[in-house]
Amino acid sequence: MNSTRTKIYLFIILCITGILFIAYKNHQPKHENQKHSEIQSVKNIEAPIELKKTIALDTEKLLKSSVLIQGNRGGLGSGFIVDVDGEKYILGCNHVATFHGQTNFTINFYHRGPNKHPVTILGTDKLLDVALLKFNAAEDTSNMPPLKLGDSDQLKRLDPLIYLGNPWPVLFVVDFGKVIIPKSNLINQLQGGDHPACLIHDCPTAQGSSGGAILNSDGEVVAINQRFLPNRPGFIHYAGLESNAIKIVLKDLTKVGELKHWEVQVLAEMKDRLTSHHLNIDGLKTSPKESGLVIFSLMPNTASKSSDLALGDIVLEIDDHPMKSVQDFYYYLYVTPHDENFEPTFKVNRASKELKITVKKREKIDPIPEDIEEIFNRIFGPQEK
């Protein structure tokens, strides 16, 4: 009897193992087994029916706008040519450009073979995870067509997309996918390091794809690919910064070394989109009576938490900028660069009464008392000042 049970258990285990293995293989990036030296283009990838019209695009021109970025300390990613006031630059990801503090970069072009071209970092943005690279003065950029930044606000769920980049080990790929969630505010999910201007898509990508261009069916950039979303069981989705957010910071990236943003302190959502998840954060148990943009969380240990802002406040304006949508809110507070002295003034509706509340800059934290610091040093060793 025990022998029969054992055989049944083993059979069930083998079946489950087989199912998991098949599922794993089906979710591998489609280019995984192709050689590093192979170059693929849209011409040898079958496009979905809804994207057949994109074949009319000049795919060779698209690939001439794509670059492979390599750093001197192992950073590897994608990028693409953009135009800022008549000058050509390369837009890529900050996490690639700053990988292990690397300072020297080279790029490869689809149409220039294996030759490497040196470039330098011009500007970076840690929160939005973008970096702008500059060509050397002697570089001939005449045959490098910049990609146009489109209007990411026009995207709708399941709209077709084109991916342009370098999913390792394949280089210079044009592939296809679709919009999963446009104008996603991943920061609402309180995931560390996320920014509030995401396009979620399912274009097939892999390591080396960070910084690749996500295009609409007209060949316009609607996002820059940035990372894999691991917390979506059964799905392979990726997130990228929307083109309309890129437009806000692009010019500043040519002037400032590292862009600064206001610390993430206040989270809001439209009343008709509040869920039980929002209502349970920080004790917001009931939805306010008024319609509008509702503050549902004040982040711990921030200036907003100790300010006069309250959960359930309806945000009408910030610094005289009307707040008619979640995008207005997040774009102004967190996408637009602000210096360390930024102190936003909120105009809110609280129980049908309008209030103006300024979130003051946090004072510096008091130093640790000497006796506590001495105990820390005994346990962990002297701490760097």
Protein backbone atom coordinates (compact mmCIF):
# COMPACT_ATOMS: atom_id res chain seq x y z
CA MET A 1 0.00 0.00 0.00
CA ASN A 2 2.77 2.40 0.98
CA SER A 3 4.62 1.50 -2.21
CA THR A 4 1.57 2.42 -4.29
CA ARG A 5 1.19 5.76 -2.51
CA THR A 6 4.84 6.53 -3.06
CA LYS A 7 4.48 5.87 -6.79
CA ILE A 8 1.41 8.11 -6.97
CA TYR A 9 3.25 10.92 -5.13
CA LEU A 10 6.25 10.57 -7.44
CA PHE A 11 3.99 10.67 -10.48
CA ILE A 12 2.28 13.87 -9.25
CA ILE A 13 5.65 15.48 -8.50
CA LEU A 14 6.93 14.61 -11.99
CA CYS A 15 3.79 16.07 -13.59
CA ILE A 16 4.11 19.32 -11.64
CA THR A 17 7.83 19.54 -12.48
CA GLY A 18 7.07 19.06 -16.16
CA ILE A 19 4.40 21.75 -16.17
CA LEU A 20 6.69 24.22 -14.40
CA PHE A 21 9.53 23.46 -16.85
CA ILE A 22 7.28 24.05 -19.88
CA ALA A 23 6.01 27.32 -18.37
CA TYR A 24 9.59 28.42 -17.70
CA LYS A 25 10.72 27.73 -21.26
CA ASN A 26 7.71 29.55 -22.72
CA HIS A 27 8.55 32.69 -20.73
CA GLN A 28 12.19 32.90 -21.81
CA PRO A 29 13.11 35.95 -23.95
CA LYS A 30 12.66 34.94 -27.56
CA HIS A 31 16.24 35.94 -28.48
CA GLU A 32 17.97 34.06 -25.66
CA ASN A 33 19.66 31.40 -27.78
CA GLN A 34 20.80 33.61 -30.62
CA LYS A 35 24.45 34.47 -31.04
CA HIS A 36 25.96 37.68 -29.70
CA SER A 37 27.17 38.73 -33.14
CA GLU A 38 23.79 38.39 -34.82
CA ILE A 39 22.02 41.54 -35.95
CA GLN A 40 18.28 41.37 -36.34
CA SER A 41 15.84 43.87 -37.76
CA VAL A 42 12.13 44.22 -38.25
CA LYS A 43 12.49 42.57 -41.65
CA ASN A 44 13.02 39.10 -40.19
CA ILE A 45 10.60 39.32 -37.26
CA GLU A 46 6.97 38.62 -38.06
CA ALA A 47 4.89 41.61 -37.02
CA PRO A 48 1.44 41.24 -35.49
CA ILE A 49 -1.41 41.98 -37.88
CA GLU A 50 -2.19 45.31 -36.20
CA LEU A 51 1.41 46.39 -36.82
CA LYS A 52 1.67 45.47 -40.49
CA LYS A 53 1.50 49.13 -41.43
CA THR A 54 4.73 49.80 -39.52
CA ILE A 55 6.62 47.82 -42.17
CA ALA A 56 6.22 50.96 -44.26
CA LEU A 57 8.53 52.71 -41.80
CA ASP A 58 12.18 53.05 -42.77
CA THR A 59 13.55 50.37 -40.46
CA GLU A 60 17.14 51.00 -41.52
CA LYS A 61 16.71 54.62 -40.45
CA LEU A 62 15.26 53.50 -37.12
CA LEU A 63 18.26 51.27 -36.48
CA LYS A 64 20.65 54.12 -37.33
CA SER A 65 19.11 55.97 -34.36
CA SER A 66 19.85 53.09 -31.98
CA VAL A 67 23.12 52.66 -30.06
CA LEU A 68 24.77 50.09 -27.79
CA ILE A 69 26.23 51.70 -24.64
CA GLN A 70 29.18 50.08 -22.83
CA GLY A 71 30.94 51.38 -19.74
CA ASN A 72 34.46 50.72 -18.55
CA ARG A 73 33.19 48.84 -15.46
CA GLY A 74 30.72 46.48 -17.06
CA GLY A 75 27.69 48.69 -17.62
CA LEU A 76 25.80 47.56 -20.72
CA GLY A 77 22.64 49.02 -22.16
CA SER A 78 20.80 50.60 -25.04
CA GLY A 79 20.24 54.20 -26.07
CA PHE A 80 18.97 56.31 -28.93
CA ILE A 81 19.70 59.61 -30.65
CA VAL A 82 17.65 62.66 -29.61
CA ASP A 83 17.73 66.28 -30.69
CA VAL A 84 17.83 69.14 -28.18
CA ASP A 85 17.80 72.62 -29.73
CA GLY A 86 19.54 71.41 -32.88
CA GLU A 87 22.24 69.39 -31.09
CA LYS A 88 22.32 65.58 -31.13
CA TYR A 89 22.72 63.57 -27.93
CA ILE A 90 22.26 59.99 -26.75
CA LEU A 91 19.51 59.24 -24.23
CA GLY A 92 19.98 56.18 -22.03
CA CYS A 93 19.35 54.97 -18.48
CA ASN A 94 20.98 56.38 -15.37
CA HIS A 95 21.52 52.92 -13.84
CA VAL A 96 23.59 51.97 -16.89
CA ALA A 97 25.54 55.23 -17.03
CA THR A 98 26.42 55.17 -13.32
CA PHE A 99 27.04 51.41 -13.01
CA HIS A 100 29.74 50.92 -10.35
CA GLY A 101 30.83 54.53 -10.75
CA GLN A 102 32.06 54.04 -14.30
CA THR A 103 33.26 57.20 -16.06
CA ASN A 104 34.36 56.08 -19.54
CA PHE A 105 31.86 55.03 -22.20
CA THR A 106 31.82 53.86 -25.75
CA ILE A 107 28.92 53.34 -28.12
CA ASN A 108 28.39 51.18 -31.17
CA PHE A 109 26.18 52.02 -34.13
CA TYR A 110 24.17 49.61 -36.22
CA HIS A 111 25.53 51.03 -39.47
CA ARG A 112 29.17 51.48 -38.43
CA GLY A 113 30.19 47.91 -37.65
CA PRO A 114 32.27 46.96 -34.57
CA ASN A 115 33.99 50.33 -34.25
CA LYS A 116 33.56 51.88 -30.79
CA HIS A 117 33.01 55.60 -30.35
CA PRO A 118 33.85 57.39 -27.07
CA VAL A 119 31.15 59.52 -25.41
CA THR A 120 30.83 61.36 -22.09
CA ILE A 121 28.04 61.80 -19.54
CA LEU A 122 26.40 65.20 -19.73
CA GLY A 123 23.49 64.94 -17.29
CA THR A 124 21.84 62.30 -15.08
CA ASP A 125 18.56 61.90 -13.23
CA LYS A 126 18.52 59.20 -10.55
CA LEU A 127 14.78 59.34 -9.76
CA LEU A 128 13.60 59.16 -13.37
CA ASP A 129 16.50 56.84 -14.31
CA VAL A 130 17.65 58.70 -17.42
CA ALA A 131 21.05 59.93 -18.54
CA LEU A 132 22.17 62.09 -21.44
CA LEU A 133 25.45 61.31 -23.19
CA LYS A 134 27.41 63.71 -25.35
CA PHE A 135 29.31 62.99 -28.56
CA ASN A 136 32.93 63.99 -28.84
CA ALA A 137 33.44 67.17 -30.82
CA ALA A 138 35.15 65.30 -33.66
CA GLU A 139 32.30 62.81 -34.10
CA ASP A 140 30.47 62.99 -37.42
CA THR A 141 26.76 62.86 -36.53
CA SER A 142 25.43 63.75 -39.96
CA ASN A 143 24.22 60.18 -40.63
CA MET A 144 22.59 59.74 -37.19
CA PRO A 145 18.90 60.64 -37.47
CA PRO A 146 17.37 61.60 -34.10
CA LEU A 147 14.13 59.97 -33.01
CA LYS A 148 11.14 62.23 -32.43
CA LEU A 149 9.53 62.27 -29.00
CA GLY A 150 5.81 61.58 -29.37
CA ASP A 151 2.84 62.29 -27.11
CA SER A 152 2.60 59.49 -24.54
CA ASP A 153 -0.74 60.87 -23.31
CA GLN A 154 -2.36 59.55 -26.50
CA LEU A 155 -1.55 55.92 -25.70
CA LYS A 156 -4.36 53.55 -24.83
CA ARG A 157 -4.34 50.05 -23.42
CA LEU A 158 -3.31 47.42 -26.02
CA ASP A 159 -2.04 50.01 -28.50
CA PRO A 160 0.76 48.46 -30.62
CA LEU A 161 4.37 49.34 -29.79
CA ILE A 162 7.77 48.91 -31.44
CA TYR A 163 10.89 48.19 -29.38
CA LEU A 164 14.31 49.36 -30.56
CA GLY A 165 17.38 48.23 -28.60
CA ASN A 166 19.86 45.52 -27.62
CA PRO A 167 18.38 42.57 -25.69
CA TRP A 168 21.58 40.68 -24.91
CA PRO A 169 23.03 38.66 -26.58
CA VAL A 170 21.28 40.00 -29.71
CA LEU A 171 22.24 43.48 -30.89
CA PHE A 172 20.20 46.11 -32.71
CA VAL A 173 16.75 44.56 -32.64
CA VAL A 174 13.43 45.97 -33.75
CA ASP A 175 10.61 44.02 -32.12
CA PHE A 176 6.95 44.42 -31.19
CA GLY A 177 4.63 44.52 -28.21
CA LYS A 178 1.67 46.43 -26.83
CA VAL A 179 0.69 48.87 -24.12
CA ILE A 180 -0.35 47.12 -20.91
CA ILE A 181 -0.98 50.17 -18.70
CA PRO A 182 -0.48 53.74 -19.99
CA LYS A 183 0.26 56.59 -17.59
CA SER A 184 0.90 54.25 -14.69
CA ASN A 185 1.84 55.75 -11.32
CA LEU A 186 3.91 52.91 -9.93
CA ILE A 187 4.81 55.12 -7.01
CA ASN A 188 1.23 54.60 -5.79
CA GLN A 189 2.24 51.03 -5.03
CA LEU A 190 4.94 52.31 -2.66
CA GLN A 191 7.64 50.35 -4.46
CA GLY A 192 11.03 51.74 -3.57
CA GLY A 193 12.81 53.53 -6.38
CA ASP A 194 9.86 53.74 -8.74
CA HIS A 195 8.96 56.97 -10.47
CA PRO A 196 5.45 58.29 -11.17
CA ALA A 197 5.45 58.44 -14.97
CA CYS A 198 5.58 54.85 -16.19
CA LEU A 199 4.43 53.15 -19.34
CA ILE A 200 3.98 49.42 -18.68
CA HIS A 201 4.45 47.28 -21.80
CA ASP A 202 5.23 43.73 -22.92
CA CYS A 203 7.80 44.27 -25.67
CA PRO A 204 10.28 41.35 -25.49
CA THR A 205 13.43 42.61 -23.82
CA ALA A 206 16.36 41.22 -21.82
CA GLN A 207 19.54 42.37 -20.11
CA GLY A 208 21.01 45.17 -22.20
CA SER A 209 17.58 46.51 -23.15
CA SER A 210 17.60 49.32 -20.57
CA GLY A 211 17.57 52.60 -22.47
CA GLY A 212 15.95 51.17 -25.58
CA ALA A 213 13.33 53.25 -27.38
CA ILE A 214 9.65 52.29 -27.20
CA LEU A 215 7.91 53.67 -30.30
CA ASN A 216 4.31 54.06 -31.37
CA SER A 217 3.14 52.86 -34.79
CA ASP A 218 4.22 56.19 -36.31
CA GLY A 219 7.83 55.62 -35.26
CA GLU A 220 7.76 58.24 -32.46
CA VAL A 221 9.30 57.57 -29.05
CA VAL A 222 6.61 57.19 -26.37
CA ALA A 223 8.89 55.81 -23.63
CA ILE A 224 12.41 54.73 -22.78
CA ASN A 225 12.61 51.13 -21.58
CA GLN A 226 13.99 50.84 -18.06
CA ARG A 227 13.28 47.69 -16.10
CA PHE A 228 11.53 44.37 -15.64
CA LEU A 229 8.53 44.22 -13.31
CA PRO A 230 9.04 41.07 -11.19
CA ASN A 231 5.90 41.21 -9.05
CA ARG A 232 3.41 40.18 -11.73
CA PRO A 233 3.00 36.38 -11.51
CA GLY A 234 2.21 34.78 -14.85
CA PHE A 235 3.10 37.89 -16.86
CA ILE A 236 6.28 39.36 -18.30
CA HIS A 237 5.90 43.13 -18.18
CA TYR A 238 8.35 46.01 -18.31
CA ALA A 239 8.28 49.65 -17.27
CA GLY A 240 9.64 52.71 -19.00
CA LEU A 241 9.57 56.48 -18.52
CA GLU A 242 6.90 58.20 -20.62
CA SER A 243 8.03 60.53 -23.39
CA ASN A 244 6.05 63.46 -21.96
CA ALA A 245 8.08 63.14 -18.77
CA ILE A 246 11.29 62.95 -20.81
CA LYS A 247 10.35 66.24 -22.49
CA ILE A 248 10.18 67.96 -19.09
CA VAL A 249 13.75 67.09 -18.09
CA LEU A 250 15.56 66.73 -21.43
CA LYS A 251 16.71 70.32 -21.79
CA ASP A 252 17.81 70.46 -18.14
CA LEU A 253 19.94 67.36 -18.67
CA THR A 254 22.08 69.37 -21.12
CA LYS A 255 22.82 72.02 -18.49
CA VAL A 256 23.01 70.35 -15.08
CA GLY A 257 25.21 67.46 -13.96
CA GLU A 258 22.60 65.71 -11.80
CA LEU A 259 18.96 66.73 -11.67
CA LYS A 260 17.31 66.99 -8.25
CA HIS A 261 13.70 66.32 -7.37
CA TRP A 262 11.43 66.87 -4.43
CA GLU A 263 11.50 63.97 -2.02
CA VAL A 264 8.50 61.66 -2.46
CA GLN A 265 6.25 62.73 0.40
CA VAL A 266 2.61 62.94 -0.65
CA LEU A 267 0.60 60.37 -2.61
CA ALA A 268 -2.76 61.11 -4.22
CA GLU A 269 -5.40 59.47 -6.38
CA MET A 270 -8.67 60.51 -7.97
CA LYS A 271 -11.62 59.79 -5.68
CA ASP A 272 -13.40 57.54 -8.16
CA ARG A 273 -10.25 55.38 -8.39
CA LEU A 274 -9.63 54.96 -4.66
CA THR A 275 -9.52 51.30 -3.63
CA SER A 276 -9.54 49.55 -0.29
CA HIS A 277 -5.75 49.47 -0.60
CA HIS A 278 -5.60 53.28 -0.70
CA LEU A 279 -8.17 53.68 2.06
CA ASN A 280 -6.22 51.50 4.46
CA ILE A 281 -2.91 53.31 4.07
CA ASP A 282 -2.01 55.48 7.08
CA GLY A 283 -5.51 55.16 8.48
CA LEU A 284 -7.57 56.74 5.65
CA LYS A 285 -10.65 54.63 6.32
CA THR A 286 -13.33 56.50 4.40
CA SER A 287 -13.42 58.37 1.13
CA PRO A 288 -14.13 62.13 1.38
CA LYS A 289 -17.50 63.42 0.18
CA GLU A 290 -16.01 65.86 -2.36
CA SER A 291 -14.79 64.67 -5.75
CA GLY A 292 -11.27 65.38 -6.94
CA LEU A 293 -7.66 64.43 -6.26
CA VAL A 294 -7.50 62.85 -2.80
CA ILE A 295 -4.40 62.70 -0.58
CA PHE A 296 -4.32 59.08 0.57
CA SER A 297 -0.85 58.89 2.09
CA LEU A 298 1.69 61.16 3.78
CA MET A 299 5.01 59.37 3.83
CA PRO A 300 6.53 58.73 7.28
CA ASN A 301 9.49 60.84 8.40
CA THR A 302 8.88 63.56 5.82
CA ALA A 303 8.05 67.25 6.09
CA SER A 304 4.55 66.63 4.71
CA LYS A 305 3.81 64.20 7.54
CA SER A 306 4.45 66.91 10.12
CA SER A 307 2.74 69.63 8.06
CA ASP A 308 -0.93 70.65 8.23
CA LEU A 309 -1.82 68.45 5.24
CA ALA A 310 -4.29 65.72 6.14
CA LEU A 311 -5.43 62.43 4.66
CA GLY A 312 -8.57 62.96 2.62
CA ASP A 313 -7.70 66.53 1.61
CA ILE A 314 -8.80 67.33 -1.96
CA VAL A 315 -5.88 68.97 -3.81
CA LEU A 316 -7.07 71.90 -5.96
CA GLU A 317 -3.77 73.63 -6.79
CA ILE A 318 -0.07 73.45 -6.01
CA ASP A 319 1.84 76.73 -6.36
CA ASP A 320 -1.07 78.08 -8.43
CA HIS A 321 -0.85 75.12 -10.84
CA PRO A 322 -4.33 73.52 -11.21
CA MET A 323 -4.42 69.86 -10.20
CA LYS A 324 -7.06 68.27 -12.40
CA SER A 325 -5.54 64.81 -12.68
CA VAL A 326 -3.12 62.41 -11.04
CA GLN A 327 -0.67 63.18 -13.84
CA ASP A 328 -0.78 66.94 -13.05
CA PHE A 329 0.05 66.10 -9.43
CA TYR A 330 2.94 63.72 -9.98
CA TYR A 331 4.43 65.57 -12.95
CA TYR A 332 4.63 68.84 -11.05
CA LEU A 333 5.83 67.48 -7.70
CA TYR A 334 8.12 64.66 -8.74
CA VAL A 335 8.93 64.77 -12.46
CA THR A 336 9.70 68.48 -12.70
CA PRO A 337 13.18 69.15 -11.21
CA HIS A 338 13.21 71.17 -7.96
CA ASP A 339 16.15 72.36 -5.89
CA GLU A 340 16.64 71.61 -2.20
CA ASN A 341 14.81 74.79 -1.18
CA PHE A 342 11.54 73.82 -2.86
CA GLU A 343 8.56 74.39 -0.53
CA PRO A 344 5.27 73.67 -2.37
CA THR A 345 2.06 75.39 -1.30
CA PHE A 346 -1.04 73.20 -1.53
CA LYS A 347 -4.50 74.65 -1.97
CA VAL A 348 -6.87 72.01 -0.63
CA ASN A 349 -10.54 71.46 0.02
CA ARG A 350 -11.17 70.02 3.48
CA ALA A 351 -14.80 69.46 4.48
CA SER A 352 -15.92 72.11 1.93
CA LYS A 353 -13.42 74.64 3.28
CA GLU A 354 -10.47 75.86 1.17
CA LEU A 355 -7.06 75.99 2.86
CA LYS A 356 -3.54 76.93 1.74
CA ILE A 357 -0.80 74.84 3.29
CA THR A 358 2.94 75.16 2.63
CA VAL A 359 5.14 72.12 3.18
CA LYS A 360 8.29 73.57 4.67
CA LYS A 361 11.70 72.11 4.04
CA ARG A 362 12.75 69.67 6.73
CA GLU A 363 15.26 70.90 9.24
CA LYS A 364 18.49 68.98 9.57
CA ILE A 365 18.25 65.98 11.87
CA ASP A 366 19.87 66.52 15.26
CA PRO A 367 23.23 64.75 15.62
CA ILE A 368 23.36 61.49 17.57
CA PRO A 369 24.28 62.12 21.24
CA GLU A 370 27.89 61.27 21.97
CA ASP A 371 27.10 58.45 24.43
CA ILE A 372 24.84 56.66 21.89
CA GLU A 373 27.40 57.21 19.13
CA GLU A 374 30.07 55.66 21.34
CA ILE A 375 27.92 52.54 21.86
CA PHE A 376 27.35 52.27 18.09
CA ASN A 377 31.08 52.52 17.46
CA ARG A 378 31.81 49.74 19.94
CA ILE A 379 29.33 47.43 18.23
CA PHE A 380 29.77 48.29 14.56
CA GLY A 381 33.12 50.07 14.51
CA PRO A 382 33.76 53.79 13.85
CA GLN A 383 31.23 55.24 11.42
CA GLU A 384 32.20 57.52 8.56
CA LYS A 385 31.27 61.17 9.19
